Amino acid sequence: MRALPVGAHGLLLELDTADEVGALHAELLRRAAAGTLPPVTEIVPAARTVFLDGLDAPRCFAADLETWVIPQLTAADRPGVEIPVVYDGPDLADVAALWGTTPDEVVRRHAATTFHVAFCGFAPGFGYLTGLPEEWHVPRRATPRTRVPVGAVALAGPYTGVYPRSSPGGWQLIGRTDAVLWDPRRENAALLTPGTRVHFVPRDGARDTETAR
C-alpha cells in the first residue's frame, strides 16, 4: 500500500489489486461503524485506490495504517443483489465470437458468475462489476453508440456494468434489465454500492416488470 497526501486533509491509498481495494474499503467501513476510525468526511474506492478526505492528520493516519491487519473479504462480508436480465443484447453474438463459444453459453457463464461492485462512477448508480476471468475480458466497441438504453447490461475490459440511464457508450451490450439502479426516493438511492455481491438471473420473453429492490 502506498499513501499519498492530497491537500491538507486528504489521503490517497494506492493498492495493487481490486481485491485489496475491496478489503481495505470494507475494513475502513467496519472501523467507522465501530467508532474506531478517525473522523473522515469521505471514503471513495476506485479501481486501484481508496481516497479519504476530512482527516485531521493524514500523515499520522497513514503511519497507523501500516500496523493494520486487513482480513480478506468473504462472501458473508458482502451484501447481495439479484438482477433479472433478458439476454438479447445486440452484441451478444459478437461477445460469443470473442469467447469462442455460442450466445447460449455466454448467457450461462455470465449468469453463473458471482460479481462484486469494485467501485462506482460514470453516472449515478453505475457500478463497475468484477468477476469474469481474464480470458473472458472483451474490448470496447470500435465505434461507440450515441445512445445506449437505460437498463442495458454490458461488458468492457474486466468489467460488467448496467446503464442506469440512457447515454452514449462503447461497451458490448449483452442484455437488458428493469432493475432501477438509481432512485433518489429510496433510502439507499444506489442499488449497487462498492462491495455488493451481484448475480444476474436470466429471464425470458418481453421486458421484465419486476424491479430489483
Foldseek 3Di string as FASTA:
>chain_A
DDWDADPQFKIKAFADALQVLLQVLLVQVVCVVVVNDADWDDWFFDGGITMTGDHNHRVVVVVVVVPDDGDGDDPVSAAEWEFEKAFDFPQLQVLCVLLVHGSVVVVVVQQPWKWFFSGDDPDVLKTWIATDDQSSADAFAPDKAQWDAAFFWFGHGRTIIGHQHIGIGGTRTGTGGPARQADPVDPPRGPHHGRHIYGYHYDDDDHDPDYID
